[in-house]
Amino acid sequence: MLELLMFGYHHHLTLFLLKFYDHFFDWGLKDGISALISIRKRNGICATSNVQIMASDSDLYIAMIDQKIIVKIGPKLDLGNLIPPGYQVATSGQDYAVWEQKTFIYHTKCHHVQNVTMDKMVLSV
């Protein structure tokens, strides 16, 4: 069992990081990846974050993470009323989008820091 676990880590930490470098620098995805990293940091999303699956179909996957962000993957555009009021699009692209609460608690390393309103916050990556 431990050999399989180490195999998985080897695969992700070597091959994935090599592809990440290519995607980040060579494929021109730096801005999009940086936006996703910024959203994750700003909302304190970490390994212990709670994931609630809101929809899971062949053309749509939506999950709410820590009741702070909502992630959508898939080509379906008609989301009905799946996205609750109080969330706004933070970033989007072909077949994906991420919403954040309009008012949320700013976290760093999964620890509460302060209340922040999106319209009063300067974002940087």
Protein backbone atom coordinates (compact mmCIF):
# COMPACT_ATOMS: atom_id res chain seq x y z
CA MET A 1 0.00 0.00 0.00
CA LEU A 2 2.74 2.51 0.90
CA GLU A 3 4.50 1.79 -2.39
CA LEU A 4 1.35 2.76 -4.28
CA LEU A 5 0.98 5.91 -2.22
CA MET A 6 4.59 6.89 -2.92
CA PHE A 7 4.04 6.13 -6.60
CA GLY A 8 1.13 8.58 -6.60
CA TYR A 9 3.21 11.29 -4.91
CA HIS A 10 6.08 10.65 -7.31
CA HIS A 11 3.75 11.05 -10.26
CA HIS A 12 2.10 14.24 -9.00
CA LEU A 13 5.19 15.93 -7.58
CA THR A 14 7.43 15.26 -10.57
CA LEU A 15 5.37 14.97 -13.73
CA PHE A 16 2.67 17.42 -12.65
CA LEU A 17 5.19 20.07 -11.62
CA LEU A 18 6.97 19.73 -14.95
CA LYS A 19 3.68 20.24 -16.79
CA PHE A 20 2.78 23.08 -14.42
CA TYR A 21 5.98 24.89 -15.38
CA ASP A 22 5.24 24.42 -19.08
CA HIS A 23 1.63 25.56 -18.68
CA PHE A 24 2.54 28.53 -16.48
CA PHE A 25 5.41 29.91 -18.56
CA ASP A 26 5.39 28.39 -22.05
CA TRP A 27 1.68 28.07 -22.80
CA GLY A 28 0.77 31.58 -21.64
CA LEU A 29 -1.49 30.49 -18.77
CA LYS A 30 0.33 32.51 -16.10
CA ASP A 31 -2.48 35.06 -15.61
CA GLY A 32 -5.24 32.44 -15.39
CA ILE A 33 -3.31 30.18 -13.00
CA SER A 34 -2.25 33.19 -10.91
CA ALA A 35 -5.90 34.28 -10.61
CA LEU A 36 -6.88 30.82 -9.32
CA ILE A 37 -3.99 30.80 -6.83
CA SER A 38 -4.98 34.28 -5.63
CA ILE A 39 -8.61 33.22 -5.10
CA ARG A 40 -7.46 30.17 -3.14
CA LYS A 41 -5.16 32.24 -0.89
CA ARG A 42 -7.65 35.08 -0.43
CA ASN A 43 -10.31 32.65 0.79
CA GLY A 44 -8.05 30.45 2.93
CA ILE A 45 -8.74 27.34 0.88
CA CYS A 46 -6.48 24.51 2.06
CA ALA A 47 -6.27 20.73 2.31
CA THR A 48 -8.82 20.66 5.14
CA SER A 49 -11.40 22.79 3.34
CA ASN A 50 -14.95 21.43 3.16
CA VAL A 51 -16.17 20.58 -0.35
CA GLN A 52 -19.92 20.36 -1.00
CA ILE A 53 -20.83 19.01 -4.45
CA MET A 54 -23.78 21.01 -5.77
CA ALA A 55 -24.12 19.40 -9.22
CA SER A 56 -22.43 16.52 -11.00
CA ASP A 57 -23.47 15.69 -14.56
CA SER A 58 -21.67 14.78 -17.78
CA ASP A 59 -21.53 18.45 -18.82
CA LEU A 60 -21.45 20.20 -15.44
CA TYR A 61 -19.68 19.92 -12.09
CA ILE A 62 -20.26 22.56 -9.41
CA ALA A 63 -18.80 22.51 -5.91
CA MET A 64 -18.90 24.98 -3.02
CA ILE A 65 -15.71 25.14 -0.97
CA ASP A 66 -15.94 26.27 2.67
CA GLN A 67 -19.07 28.25 1.70
CA LYS A 68 -16.62 30.88 0.36
CA ILE A 69 -16.14 30.02 -3.29
CA ILE A 70 -18.05 28.07 -5.93
CA VAL A 71 -16.23 26.26 -8.72
CA LYS A 72 -17.90 25.28 -12.02
CA ILE A 73 -16.31 22.95 -14.56
CA GLY A 74 -17.97 21.92 -17.81
CA PRO A 75 -19.53 23.42 -20.94
CA LYS A 76 -23.08 23.80 -19.61
CA LEU A 77 -24.05 27.47 -19.37
CA ASP A 78 -27.60 27.23 -18.00
CA LEU A 79 -26.99 26.88 -14.26
CA GLY A 80 -30.56 27.57 -13.21
CA ASN A 81 -30.53 28.72 -9.59
CA LEU A 82 -27.46 26.70 -8.53
CA ILE A 83 -25.39 29.81 -7.77
CA PRO A 84 -26.92 31.44 -4.68
CA PRO A 85 -27.32 35.20 -4.30
CA GLY A 86 -24.34 36.95 -2.75
CA TYR A 87 -21.72 35.40 -5.04
CA GLN A 88 -19.98 37.13 -7.95
CA VAL A 89 -17.72 35.81 -10.68
CA ALA A 90 -14.07 36.09 -9.64
CA THR A 91 -12.60 34.48 -12.78
CA SER A 92 -13.79 32.46 -15.73
CA GLY A 93 -12.70 30.93 -18.99
CA GLN A 94 -13.73 28.27 -21.47
CA ASP A 95 -15.78 25.68 -19.57
CA TYR A 96 -14.89 26.95 -16.08
CA ALA A 97 -15.79 29.71 -13.62
CA VAL A 98 -15.16 30.59 -9.99
CA TRP A 99 -17.48 32.70 -7.84
CA GLU A 100 -16.61 34.36 -4.52
CA GLN A 101 -18.90 35.75 -1.88
CA LYS A 102 -19.35 39.49 -2.33
CA THR A 103 -18.50 39.90 1.34
CA PHE A 104 -16.25 37.30 2.84
CA ILE A 105 -13.77 36.68 5.62
CA TYR A 106 -10.20 37.08 4.40
CA HIS A 107 -8.06 34.13 5.43
CA THR A 108 -4.40 33.37 5.30
CA LYS A 109 -3.13 29.84 5.89
CA CYS A 110 -6.66 28.84 6.96
CA HIS A 111 -6.77 31.29 9.88
CA HIS A 112 -9.27 34.14 10.28
CA VAL A 113 -7.76 37.59 9.72
CA GLN A 114 -10.45 40.22 9.03
CA ASN A 115 -13.74 40.96 7.32
CA VAL A 116 -13.30 42.42 3.85
CA THR A 117 -15.79 43.68 1.26
CA MET A 118 -14.83 42.95 -2.38
CA ASP A 119 -15.47 46.51 -3.59
CA LYS A 120 -13.01 47.89 -1.00
CA MET A 121 -10.23 45.40 -1.69
CA VAL A 122 -7.25 45.81 -3.99
CA LEU A 123 -6.29 42.49 -5.56
CA SER A 124 -2.77 41.59 -6.60
CA VAL A 125 -0.95 38.45 -7.63
